Amino acid sequence: MLKGILLVFFGACSFGILSTFVKLAYHDGYTLGDVTGAQAFFGAVILWVLFFFQSRTSAYKAKEIKLITPWWKMILAGTCTGLVSVFYYQCVKLVPNSVAIILLMQFIWMSILLELIIYKRKPTGLQFLAILLVLGGTVLASGMIETSISSINVKGIGFGLLAAISYAGFLMLSGRIGNEYPALKKSALMITGACILIFLIFPPTFLFNGALNGSLLKWGLIISVFGTVIPPLFYAEGVPQIGTALSSILSAAELPVAVMMAGFVLQEQVSFLRWVGVCVILSAMVMPNLKYLKRR
């Protein structure tokens, strides 16, 4: 139980520190295409190498795995991950890091809305209250109350919301297809899909123009490890041990970690009122899962 808790918690923290490294890569002069391309490319390579070594073990060979979902569907679903990276990292470029992560957290109510539209699944009273809390917490945590309207970057907010809807779509697809795949293979296929999409949008010139001779190699490896390798592997191992409800609550660690990194590393100003907003959003993430946690 403790092992599962720690795995999910550190997986969430890994996601939380990601945007800080992206911001540092921008400070070194690299572009959106460089950062997203390097993350997807190195992430796919690392995951496929790990899967290759795993598939050679006797324990893996002893398992009889019946694959139902075609591999191309897994790659297609992975394009949502690519869209999250493109939209989110563009958002990070335009707005403070602490605001970008709060915009991404809007996937909470967007996921509920998608389930209503696609599966006709009406939100419960707790889920509806969670939506209101997220919206209210966002107003506080983003600093809108303390900022003049003219200084708000509308384009950055738009990219943040696009990242959130893409993330909601990714979570929906990831939870419904390819669950019979080994965790490493599923992650590798989906990241390969993300890599293909990103390379179509941003041709991988960083592979040939000498950018990897600078610090892009360092940032690409760091971002890929913390963004595409550690979280899926830790979640695949930890979630089955502690259950979905507790995992959802622990995943909320991503938000305060990202805000703290923005304050301590990037020296962004995070006021007390914004921390109140963060706490409100965290409570919105916990509330809908309380009844499942009590059952457990």
Protein backbone atom coordinates (compact mmCIF):
# COMPACT_ATOMS: atom_id res chain seq x y z
CA MET A 1 0.00 0.00 0.00
CA LEU A 2 2.74 2.48 1.00
CA LYS A 3 4.73 1.62 -2.13
CA GLY A 4 1.71 2.34 -4.33
CA ILE A 5 1.06 5.66 -2.56
CA LEU A 6 4.66 6.77 -3.03
CA LEU A 7 4.73 5.73 -6.71
CA VAL A 8 1.57 7.68 -7.59
CA PHE A 9 2.66 10.68 -5.51
CA PHE A 10 6.10 10.90 -7.13
CA GLY A 11 4.55 10.34 -10.56
CA ALA A 12 2.33 13.38 -9.97
CA CYS A 13 5.27 15.44 -8.68
CA SER A 14 7.18 14.48 -11.83
CA PHE A 15 4.42 16.03 -13.94
CA GLY A 16 4.39 19.08 -11.67
CA ILE A 17 8.03 20.04 -12.17
CA LEU A 18 7.86 19.52 -15.94
CA SER A 19 6.77 23.02 -16.97
CA THR A 20 9.63 24.60 -15.00
CA PHE A 21 12.20 22.75 -17.13
CA VAL A 22 10.31 23.78 -20.27
CA LYS A 23 10.54 27.42 -19.19
CA LEU A 24 14.29 27.02 -18.58
CA ALA A 25 14.71 25.53 -22.06
CA TYR A 26 12.95 28.60 -23.50
CA HIS A 27 15.36 30.81 -21.56
CA ASP A 28 18.20 29.04 -23.40
CA GLY A 29 16.69 30.16 -26.70
CA TYR A 30 15.00 26.97 -27.89
CA THR A 31 11.68 27.01 -29.72
CA LEU A 32 8.37 25.24 -29.12
CA GLY A 33 9.19 22.78 -31.90
CA ASP A 34 12.61 22.03 -30.37
CA VAL A 35 11.19 21.36 -26.89
CA THR A 36 8.13 19.32 -27.87
CA GLY A 37 10.04 17.40 -30.55
CA ALA A 38 12.94 16.54 -28.25
CA GLN A 39 10.58 15.40 -25.48
CA ALA A 40 8.54 13.13 -27.75
CA PHE A 41 11.56 11.74 -29.61
CA PHE A 42 13.67 10.92 -26.55
CA GLY A 43 10.62 9.70 -24.65
CA ALA A 44 9.69 7.27 -27.44
CA VAL A 45 13.27 6.01 -27.73
CA ILE A 46 13.61 5.44 -23.95
CA LEU A 47 10.24 3.66 -23.68
CA TRP A 48 10.91 1.37 -26.65
CA VAL A 49 14.37 0.48 -25.30
CA LEU A 50 12.87 -0.34 -21.88
CA PHE A 51 10.11 -2.40 -23.52
CA PHE A 52 12.69 -4.27 -25.64
CA PHE A 53 14.61 -5.33 -22.52
CA GLN A 54 11.39 -6.17 -20.67
CA SER A 55 10.12 -8.35 -23.53
CA ARG A 56 13.35 -10.38 -23.39
CA THR A 57 12.75 -11.46 -19.78
CA SER A 58 11.40 -14.92 -19.03
CA ALA A 59 8.61 -13.46 -16.83
CA TYR A 60 7.29 -11.44 -19.77
CA LYS A 61 7.51 -14.36 -22.18
CA ALA A 62 5.59 -16.56 -19.75
CA LYS A 63 2.59 -14.22 -19.88
CA GLU A 64 0.04 -14.91 -22.57
CA ILE A 65 -1.11 -11.51 -23.76
CA LYS A 66 -4.16 -11.33 -26.01
CA LEU A 67 -4.12 -8.00 -27.80
CA ILE A 68 -7.57 -6.79 -28.85
CA THR A 69 -6.92 -3.14 -29.70
CA PRO A 70 -5.01 -2.66 -33.01
CA TRP A 71 -1.63 -0.99 -32.55
CA TRP A 72 -2.54 1.82 -34.94
CA LYS A 73 -5.42 2.86 -32.67
CA MET A 74 -2.96 3.24 -29.81
CA ILE A 75 -0.74 5.45 -31.98
CA LEU A 76 -3.76 7.50 -33.06
CA ALA A 77 -4.86 7.96 -29.44
CA GLY A 78 -1.35 9.12 -28.62
CA THR A 79 -1.81 12.16 -30.84
CA CYS A 80 -3.85 13.66 -27.98
CA THR A 81 -0.67 13.56 -25.88
CA GLY A 82 1.15 15.41 -28.64
CA LEU A 83 -1.53 18.08 -28.72
CA VAL A 84 -1.28 18.50 -24.93
CA SER A 85 2.47 19.13 -25.25
CA VAL A 86 2.11 21.59 -28.13
CA PHE A 87 -0.72 23.61 -26.56
CA TYR A 88 0.59 23.48 -22.98
CA TYR A 89 4.18 24.41 -23.80
CA GLN A 90 2.96 27.30 -25.97
CA CYS A 91 0.86 28.40 -22.99
CA VAL A 92 3.94 28.19 -20.73
CA LYS A 93 5.70 30.47 -23.19
CA LEU A 94 2.99 33.15 -22.99
CA VAL A 95 1.86 33.15 -19.35
CA PRO A 96 3.54 32.58 -15.96
CA ASN A 97 4.27 28.95 -15.16
CA SER A 98 1.94 28.96 -12.14
CA VAL A 99 -0.95 30.19 -14.31
CA ALA A 100 -0.27 27.62 -17.06
CA ILE A 101 -0.65 24.65 -14.71
CA ILE A 102 -3.90 26.09 -13.32
CA LEU A 103 -5.29 26.39 -16.84
CA LEU A 104 -4.31 22.78 -17.51
CA MET A 105 -6.22 21.74 -14.38
CA GLN A 106 -9.44 22.74 -16.15
CA PHE A 107 -9.41 19.20 -17.55
CA ILE A 108 -11.34 18.28 -14.38
CA TRP A 109 -14.61 19.86 -15.47
CA MET A 110 -13.89 19.32 -19.15
CA SER A 111 -13.65 15.55 -18.55
CA ILE A 112 -17.07 15.61 -16.89
CA LEU A 113 -18.48 17.67 -19.78
CA LEU A 114 -17.06 15.25 -22.38
CA GLU A 115 -18.63 12.29 -20.59
CA LEU A 116 -21.97 14.11 -20.63
CA ILE A 117 -21.74 14.93 -24.36
CA ILE A 118 -20.34 11.59 -25.59
CA TYR A 119 -21.69 9.03 -23.12
CA LYS A 120 -24.75 10.95 -21.82
CA ARG A 121 -23.43 10.45 -18.28
CA LYS A 122 -24.90 13.21 -16.14
CA PRO A 123 -22.64 14.70 -13.45
CA THR A 124 -23.46 13.94 -9.83
CA GLY A 125 -24.12 16.67 -7.30
CA LEU A 126 -20.55 16.40 -6.01
CA GLN A 127 -19.14 16.60 -9.55
CA PHE A 128 -21.23 19.68 -10.30
CA LEU A 129 -19.99 21.29 -7.07
CA ALA A 130 -16.44 20.36 -8.09
CA ILE A 131 -16.92 22.18 -11.40
CA LEU A 132 -18.01 25.34 -9.60
CA LEU A 133 -15.04 25.09 -7.21
CA VAL A 134 -12.58 24.67 -10.09
CA LEU A 135 -13.96 27.71 -11.90
CA GLY A 136 -13.97 29.81 -8.73
CA GLY A 137 -10.52 28.58 -7.68
CA THR A 138 -9.15 29.38 -11.14
CA VAL A 139 -10.20 33.03 -10.81
CA LEU A 140 -8.28 33.26 -7.53
CA ALA A 141 -5.26 31.10 -8.40
CA SER A 142 -4.63 32.69 -11.78
CA GLY A 143 -4.37 36.14 -10.22
CA MET A 144 -7.17 37.60 -12.37
CA ILE A 145 -8.51 39.57 -9.39
CA GLU A 146 -5.10 41.15 -8.76
CA THR A 147 -4.30 41.84 -12.44
CA SER A 148 -5.62 44.48 -14.81
CA ILE A 149 -7.58 43.15 -17.77
CA SER A 150 -5.18 44.75 -20.26
CA SER A 151 -2.24 42.70 -18.95
CA ILE A 152 -3.99 39.32 -19.32
CA ASN A 153 -2.57 37.31 -22.23
CA VAL A 154 -5.74 36.05 -23.94
CA LYS A 155 -3.79 33.93 -26.43
CA GLY A 156 -1.93 32.19 -23.58
CA ILE A 157 -5.21 31.44 -21.80
CA GLY A 158 -6.62 30.04 -25.05
CA PHE A 159 -3.67 27.67 -25.50
CA GLY A 160 -3.97 26.59 -21.85
CA LEU A 161 -7.65 25.70 -22.30
CA LEU A 162 -6.85 23.82 -25.54
CA ALA A 163 -4.23 21.84 -23.61
CA ALA A 164 -6.83 21.04 -20.94
CA ILE A 165 -9.42 19.75 -23.43
CA SER A 166 -6.72 17.68 -25.17
CA TYR A 167 -5.68 16.23 -21.80
CA ALA A 168 -9.30 15.39 -20.98
CA GLY A 169 -9.57 13.59 -24.33
CA PHE A 170 -6.33 11.72 -23.68
CA LEU A 171 -7.52 10.52 -20.27
CA MET A 172 -10.82 9.35 -21.75
CA LEU A 173 -9.13 7.43 -24.57
CA SER A 174 -6.35 6.05 -22.37
CA GLY A 175 -8.84 4.62 -19.90
CA ARG A 176 -10.95 2.90 -22.56
CA ILE A 177 -8.59 1.43 -25.14
CA GLY A 178 -5.51 -0.75 -25.02
CA ASN A 179 -5.83 -1.79 -21.37
CA GLU A 180 -4.76 -5.31 -22.33
CA TYR A 181 -1.34 -4.02 -23.45
CA PRO A 182 1.67 -4.14 -21.11
CA ALA A 183 2.14 -0.69 -19.56
CA LEU A 184 5.49 -0.12 -21.30
CA LYS A 185 4.22 -1.08 -24.75
CA LYS A 186 1.04 0.98 -24.38
CA SER A 187 3.04 4.04 -23.30
CA ALA A 188 5.60 3.53 -26.10
CA LEU A 189 2.91 3.29 -28.79
CA MET A 190 1.06 6.37 -27.54
CA ILE A 191 4.23 8.46 -27.28
CA THR A 192 5.16 7.31 -30.78
CA GLY A 193 1.82 8.71 -31.96
CA ALA A 194 2.58 11.98 -30.17
CA CYS A 195 6.04 12.07 -31.77
CA ILE A 196 4.62 11.58 -35.29
CA LEU A 197 2.07 14.36 -34.80
CA ILE A 198 4.65 16.81 -33.41
CA PHE A 199 7.08 16.04 -36.26
CA LEU A 200 4.29 16.74 -38.77
CA ILE A 201 3.61 20.14 -37.14
CA PHE A 202 7.27 20.97 -36.41
CA PRO A 203 9.75 19.18 -38.72
CA PRO A 204 12.57 17.79 -36.49
CA THR A 205 15.27 20.18 -37.62
CA PHE A 206 16.83 19.98 -34.14
CA LEU A 207 18.16 16.53 -35.09
CA PHE A 208 20.34 18.03 -37.86
CA ASN A 209 20.96 21.72 -37.13
CA GLY A 210 23.35 21.21 -34.23
CA ALA A 211 20.86 22.16 -31.48
CA LEU A 212 21.61 18.89 -29.69
CA ASN A 213 25.23 19.97 -29.32
CA GLY A 214 24.00 22.68 -26.95
CA SER A 215 21.76 22.32 -23.91
CA LEU A 216 18.77 20.95 -25.88
CA LEU A 217 20.06 17.40 -25.37
CA LYS A 218 20.04 17.99 -21.62
CA TRP A 219 16.58 19.60 -21.55
CA GLY A 220 15.15 17.05 -23.98
CA LEU A 221 16.28 14.13 -21.84
CA ILE A 222 15.12 15.75 -18.60
CA ILE A 223 11.69 16.70 -19.98
CA SER A 224 11.18 13.30 -21.59
CA VAL A 225 12.12 11.41 -18.42
CA PHE A 226 9.91 13.51 -16.14
CA GLY A 227 7.08 13.88 -18.66
CA THR A 228 6.86 10.66 -20.68
CA VAL A 229 8.77 7.96 -18.83
CA ILE A 230 8.42 8.25 -15.03
CA PRO A 231 4.69 9.16 -14.72
CA PRO A 232 3.19 6.36 -16.88
CA LEU A 233 5.46 3.73 -15.38
CA PHE A 234 4.87 4.84 -11.78
CA TYR A 235 1.12 5.12 -12.37
CA ALA A 236 0.95 1.70 -14.05
CA GLU A 237 2.58 0.15 -10.99
CA GLY A 238 0.99 2.26 -8.25
CA VAL A 239 -2.65 2.77 -9.30
CA PRO A 240 -3.61 -0.96 -9.17
CA GLN A 241 -2.21 -1.14 -5.62
CA ILE A 242 -4.18 1.76 -4.13
CA GLY A 243 -7.20 2.19 -6.42
CA THR A 244 -8.43 4.93 -8.73
CA ALA A 245 -9.99 7.16 -6.05
CA LEU A 246 -6.88 7.54 -3.91
CA SER A 247 -4.77 7.85 -7.07
CA SER A 248 -6.90 10.77 -8.26
CA ILE A 249 -6.43 12.53 -4.95
CA LEU A 250 -2.65 11.98 -4.89
CA SER A 251 -2.41 13.15 -8.52
CA ALA A 252 -3.51 16.57 -7.29
CA ALA A 253 0.07 16.96 -5.97
CA GLU A 254 0.97 18.08 -9.50
CA LEU A 255 -0.67 21.48 -8.94
CA PRO A 256 1.06 22.72 -5.73
CA VAL A 257 4.40 21.28 -6.89
CA ALA A 258 4.19 23.25 -10.15
CA VAL A 259 3.24 26.45 -8.31
CA MET A 260 6.05 26.00 -5.76
CA MET A 261 8.61 25.37 -8.51
CA ALA A 262 7.40 28.52 -10.26
CA GLY A 263 7.90 30.50 -7.06
CA PHE A 264 11.24 29.08 -5.90
CA VAL A 265 13.03 28.32 -9.20
CA LEU A 266 11.52 30.84 -11.65
CA GLN A 267 11.01 33.54 -8.99
CA GLU A 268 7.37 34.11 -9.99
CA GLN A 269 5.23 36.04 -7.50
CA VAL A 270 2.58 33.76 -5.95
CA SER A 271 0.39 35.71 -3.54
CA PHE A 272 -1.59 34.33 -0.60
CA LEU A 273 -4.84 34.79 -2.54
CA ARG A 274 -3.49 32.63 -5.36
CA TRP A 275 -2.56 29.91 -2.87
CA VAL A 276 -6.14 30.03 -1.62
CA GLY A 277 -7.27 29.40 -5.20
CA VAL A 278 -4.88 26.44 -5.47
CA CYS A 279 -6.38 24.94 -2.30
CA VAL A 280 -9.91 25.42 -3.68
CA ILE A 281 -8.96 23.57 -6.90
CA LEU A 282 -7.33 20.77 -4.88
CA SER A 283 -10.52 20.36 -2.84
CA ALA A 284 -12.48 20.11 -6.11
CA MET A 285 -10.23 17.23 -7.19
CA VAL A 286 -10.66 15.39 -3.89
CA MET A 287 -14.43 15.78 -3.35
CA PRO A 288 -15.83 13.60 -6.17
CA ASN A 289 -13.57 10.72 -5.06
CA LEU A 290 -14.39 10.74 -1.34
CA LYS A 291 -17.25 8.24 -1.56
CA TYR A 292 -15.10 5.76 -3.46
CA LEU A 293 -12.30 6.20 -0.96
CA LYS A 294 -14.72 5.55 1.95
CA ARG A 295 -15.92 2.36 0.26
CA ARG A 296 -12.35 1.17 -0.05
